[in-house]
Protein backbone atom coordinates (compact mmCIF):
# COMPACT_ATOMS: atom_id res chain seq x y z
CA MET A 1 22.90 269.20 55.82
CA MET A 2 19.71 271.02 55.02
CA LEU A 3 18.35 272.82 58.41
CA LYS A 4 14.63 272.12 58.85
CA ILE A 5 13.29 275.00 61.03
CA PRO A 6 9.48 273.43 62.51
CA VAL A 7 6.40 276.50 61.72
CA LEU A 8 3.84 277.21 64.02
CA ASP A 9 0.97 280.03 63.28
CA LEU A 10 -1.02 280.95 66.31
CA LYS A 11 -4.20 282.32 66.96
CA GLY A 12 -6.15 282.86 70.10
CA GLY A 13 -3.27 281.41 72.27
CA ILE A 14 -3.08 277.25 70.21
CA ALA A 15 -1.54 276.53 67.00
CA VAL A 16 -3.52 276.77 63.72
CA SER A 17 -3.14 275.46 60.32
CA GLY A 18 -4.82 276.22 56.89
CA LYS A 19 -4.10 276.75 53.63
CA SER A 20 -3.09 279.39 51.33
CA GLY A 21 -2.88 282.20 53.89
CA GLN A 22 -6.66 282.46 54.12
CA ARG A 23 -6.49 282.97 57.91
CA GLU A 24 -10.10 283.61 58.60
CA THR A 25 -10.13 279.71 57.71
CA TYR A 26 -7.88 278.28 60.10
CA THR A 27 -8.75 275.55 62.12
CA PRO A 28 -6.80 273.86 65.92
CA LEU A 29 -3.49 271.87 64.26
CA ASN A 30 -3.38 268.39 64.38
CA THR A 31 0.53 267.40 65.05
CA CYS A 32 2.21 264.29 65.84
CA TYR A 33 4.78 265.78 68.06
CA ALA A 34 1.65 266.32 70.69
CA ASN A 35 -1.79 265.56 71.28
CA SER A 36 -3.07 268.73 71.41
CA ALA A 37 -2.64 272.46 69.76
CA ASN A 38 -0.30 274.03 72.58
CA PRO A 39 2.18 275.71 71.24
CA VAL A 40 4.30 275.12 74.63
CA GLU A 41 3.82 270.86 74.36
CA ILE A 42 4.33 271.30 70.16
CA ALA A 43 7.69 273.26 71.10
CA GLU A 44 8.60 271.00 73.73
CA ASN A 45 8.56 267.67 71.51
CA LEU A 46 9.78 269.21 68.92
CA LYS A 47 12.77 270.12 70.46
CA LEU A 48 13.02 266.51 72.14
CA ASN A 49 13.05 265.33 68.84
CA GLY A 50 15.63 267.42 67.19
CA ALA A 51 14.80 270.64 66.34
CA SER A 52 17.36 273.73 67.25
CA GLU A 53 15.03 276.98 66.69
CA ILE A 54 11.04 277.55 65.58
CA TYR A 55 9.48 279.87 63.46
CA ILE A 56 6.31 281.08 64.91
CA ALA A 57 3.89 283.70 62.90
CA ASP A 58 0.96 285.67 65.51
CA LEU A 59 -1.58 285.35 63.24
CA ASP A 60 -3.79 287.91 65.77
CA LEU A 61 -0.88 290.44 66.06
CA ILE A 62 -0.14 290.42 62.40
CA GLU A 63 -4.23 291.23 61.51
CA SER A 64 -4.16 293.56 64.72
CA LYS A 65 -6.73 291.18 66.46
CA GLY A 66 -4.99 290.99 69.64
CA HIS A 67 -1.74 289.00 70.23
CA ASN A 68 -0.18 285.62 71.49
CA ILE A 69 3.09 287.22 73.02
CA ASN A 70 2.66 285.69 76.34
CA GLU A 71 2.85 282.14 74.31
CA ILE A 72 5.58 283.94 72.49
CA LYS A 73 7.58 283.81 75.73
CA MET A 74 7.04 280.38 76.64
CA VAL A 75 8.13 279.09 73.98
CA ASN A 76 11.46 281.15 73.55
CA SER A 77 12.37 279.53 76.79
CA ILE A 78 11.79 276.30 75.18
CA LEU A 79 13.24 276.70 71.71
CA PRO A 80 15.25 279.90 70.30
CA VAL A 81 12.24 281.89 68.50
CA ILE A 82 12.27 283.46 64.68
CA PHE A 83 9.29 285.44 65.16
CA ASP A 84 6.94 287.03 62.81
CA GLY A 85 4.39 289.44 65.16
CA GLY A 86 3.65 291.52 61.69
CA VAL A 87 6.46 294.24 62.12
CA LYS A 88 5.33 297.92 61.13
CA ASP A 89 8.11 299.87 61.95
CA PHE A 90 11.32 300.26 64.22
CA ASP A 91 9.24 301.06 67.63
CA SER A 92 7.71 297.68 66.74
CA TYR A 93 10.50 295.81 65.43
CA THR A 94 12.18 297.09 69.19
CA PHE A 95 9.30 295.96 71.54
CA PHE A 96 9.71 292.24 70.19
CA LEU A 97 13.23 291.85 70.64
CA ASP A 98 11.92 290.73 74.32
CA TYR A 99 10.26 288.22 73.17
CA ALA A 100 12.02 286.21 70.87
CA TYR A 101 14.95 285.45 69.34
CA LYS A 102 14.94 286.43 65.85
CA ILE A 103 12.42 289.32 64.82
CA ILE A 104 11.40 288.88 61.10
CA VAL A 105 10.88 291.89 59.20
CA ALA A 106 7.81 291.02 56.34
CA THR A 107 6.94 292.81 53.43
CA GLU A 108 3.40 292.07 54.14
CA THR A 109 2.97 294.12 57.18
CA LEU A 110 6.26 296.51 57.09
CA GLU A 111 5.51 300.27 56.57
CA SER A 112 8.29 301.88 54.77
CA ILE A 113 11.98 300.51 53.41
CA ASP A 114 13.20 303.82 55.52
CA GLU A 115 11.78 301.83 58.70
CA LEU A 116 13.64 298.88 57.51
CA LYS A 117 16.94 300.56 57.38
CA LYS A 118 16.40 301.79 60.72
CA ILE A 119 16.71 298.73 62.23
CA PHE A 120 19.54 297.55 60.34
CA ASN A 121 21.52 300.76 61.50
CA LYS A 122 20.41 300.09 65.17
CA TYR A 123 20.38 296.30 65.36
CA PRO A 124 22.66 293.25 64.66
CA LYS A 125 22.14 291.44 61.33
CA GLU A 126 22.24 288.05 63.60
CA ARG A 127 18.92 289.14 64.98
CA ILE A 128 16.58 290.45 61.72
CA VAL A 129 15.25 288.23 58.97
CA ILE A 130 13.72 289.90 56.31
CA SER A 131 10.45 288.14 55.20
CA ILE A 132 9.80 288.32 51.17
CA ASP A 133 6.33 287.45 50.72
CA ILE A 134 4.67 286.47 48.06
CA LYS A 135 1.10 285.68 46.42
CA ASP A 136 0.54 284.23 43.02
CA ASN A 137 3.99 284.85 42.30
CA GLU A 138 3.73 288.51 43.13
CA LEU A 139 5.21 290.94 46.09
CA TYR A 140 2.92 290.67 48.71
CA THR A 141 2.78 293.98 50.93
CA LYS A 142 0.21 296.64 52.58
CA ASN A 143 2.77 299.49 52.30
CA LEU A 144 5.26 299.03 50.03
CA ASN A 145 4.93 300.25 46.28
CA LEU A 146 7.70 297.53 45.04
CA THR A 147 7.78 294.68 43.09
CA LEU A 148 9.27 292.07 43.50
CA ASN A 149 12.09 293.07 40.82
CA GLU A 150 12.64 296.35 43.23
CA ILE A 151 13.32 294.42 46.66
CA LYS A 152 16.25 293.03 45.38
CA PRO A 153 18.29 296.17 44.80
CA ILE A 154 17.19 297.00 48.37
CA LEU A 155 18.27 293.49 49.76
CA LYS A 156 21.34 293.59 48.02
CA GLU A 157 22.08 297.16 50.17
CA LEU A 158 21.35 295.76 53.09
CA ASP A 159 22.80 292.61 52.95
CA PRO A 160 20.97 290.35 55.53
CA ASN A 161 22.17 287.49 56.97
CA GLU A 162 19.15 285.41 56.40
CA ILE A 163 15.94 286.30 53.87
CA ILE A 164 12.66 284.04 53.76
CA LEU A 165 11.39 283.67 50.92
CA LEU A 166 7.50 282.64 51.65
CA ASP A 167 5.05 281.50 48.74
CA ILE A 168 1.76 282.21 50.80
CA THR A 169 -0.15 280.81 48.07
CA GLY A 170 1.76 277.43 48.74
CA VAL A 171 1.00 277.76 52.25
CA GLY A 172 -0.55 274.16 53.40
CA THR A 173 -0.75 272.67 50.25
CA ASN A 174 2.44 270.44 49.83
CA LYS A 175 2.42 271.35 46.11
CA GLY A 176 6.62 271.35 46.28
CA VAL A 177 9.34 273.72 45.05
CA ASN A 178 8.41 277.15 43.31
CA TYR A 179 11.07 277.07 40.80
CA GLU A 180 10.22 280.17 39.19
CA LEU A 181 10.43 282.48 43.00
CA LEU A 182 13.51 280.46 43.42
CA ASN A 183 15.15 281.52 40.15
CA GLU A 184 14.06 284.97 40.67
CA PHE A 185 16.58 285.35 43.60
CA LYS A 186 19.34 282.96 42.96
CA GLU A 187 21.64 285.51 43.28
CA PHE A 188 20.65 285.49 47.77
CA LYS A 189 20.70 281.56 47.33
CA ASP A 190 23.53 281.36 50.37
CA LYS A 191 21.12 283.38 52.35
CA LEU A 192 17.63 281.89 51.46
CA ILE A 193 15.33 280.52 54.01
CA ILE A 194 12.35 278.32 51.28
CA ALA A 195 8.94 278.35 53.16
CA GLY A 196 5.64 277.81 51.86
CA GLY A 197 4.12 274.54 50.33
CA LEU A 198 7.12 272.11 50.48
CA ASN A 199 6.53 268.69 50.42
CA LYS A 200 9.14 265.37 51.32
CA ASP A 201 10.45 265.90 47.80
CA SER A 202 11.56 269.24 48.32
CA ILE A 203 14.16 268.53 50.42
CA ALA A 204 16.42 266.87 48.40
CA GLU A 205 15.74 269.14 45.65
CA LEU A 206 16.56 272.21 47.25
CA GLU A 207 19.79 270.71 48.54
CA LYS A 208 20.60 270.30 44.86
CA GLU A 209 19.93 274.20 44.63
CA GLY A 210 22.14 275.07 47.45
CA ILE A 211 19.87 275.98 49.59
CA LYS A 212 20.58 275.45 53.41
CA LYS A 213 17.27 275.94 55.48
CA VAL A 214 13.85 275.33 54.67
CA LEU A 215 10.94 276.14 56.75
CA ILE A 216 8.69 273.26 57.06
CA GLY A 217 4.64 273.38 58.56
CA THR A 218 2.22 270.85 56.95
CA SER A 219 4.65 268.08 56.00
CA LEU A 220 6.25 268.24 59.31
CA HIS A 221 3.21 268.13 61.38
CA SER A 222 1.48 265.20 59.42
CA GLY A 223 4.49 263.26 59.96
CA GLU A 224 5.84 263.31 56.29
CA ILE A 225 9.10 264.90 56.44
CA ALA A 226 11.23 264.35 60.13
CA ILE A 227 13.20 267.30 61.62
CA LEU A 228 16.37 265.34 61.42
C-alpha cells in the first residue's frame, strides 16, 4: 500500500501554500484539516486522520530569513517530522537532529558532496533523507556543479535508505507524475519518495510503477486525496 506523507511548508510561524517554488508569492495554507494555518493544529488533525509522519520545509531557514524551529519541535512531538531546514553542511545537519525525526539533505542548499559524505559517515541512514531537487527537469542547486546524471553515481556510493525526487516546477500545480524524471531515476525505485504536483490519479499510477511513498501537499489539503 502506498504511504502518503502530508506536506507542510512553514513561513513566519504558519503553514503556507503556493506554486512552482515561487516562495515570495506563498499565502497562508487553506486546509481541510484545520480552521487555521497553525502547524500544530494541522498536525494534530493529520494524525487523527491516519498520518504516520509529516514532511515540513522551513522556507525561512532555507532562504536564511529567520526560522520556525520551535514550531517544528512542537509538531515533532505529535508526528515524526521529516525536516528540510536548508542543510548546508555537517554542522547544520547535526544541529537539526534535536528538532526532528529525519533530516533532509537537499541539493538546493548542500554546500558540497564532501559534507554529504561526512554526514553519512557519522549518522545512521535511518535519520538521513537525500532530496534531489529539480526545476525544469534539471538539478536545482545553489552550490553543486553537477547534473542529474552526475548525481546518480554519488547516490549509488552512499546508498541512502530514502531519496526524495522533488519536482519543484510541479509543486502546487496538480499536473501529475513527471515520468521523464521517474524514468531517469528508475534504478533507485525502491528508495524513492515522489513529490511535486501529484494528483488523485498519480497514486494508482505510481503504485503500478512500484513506488511505495509519496509526498502530498495541495491535493491532500484540498481534500482531493485522503491520507488512508
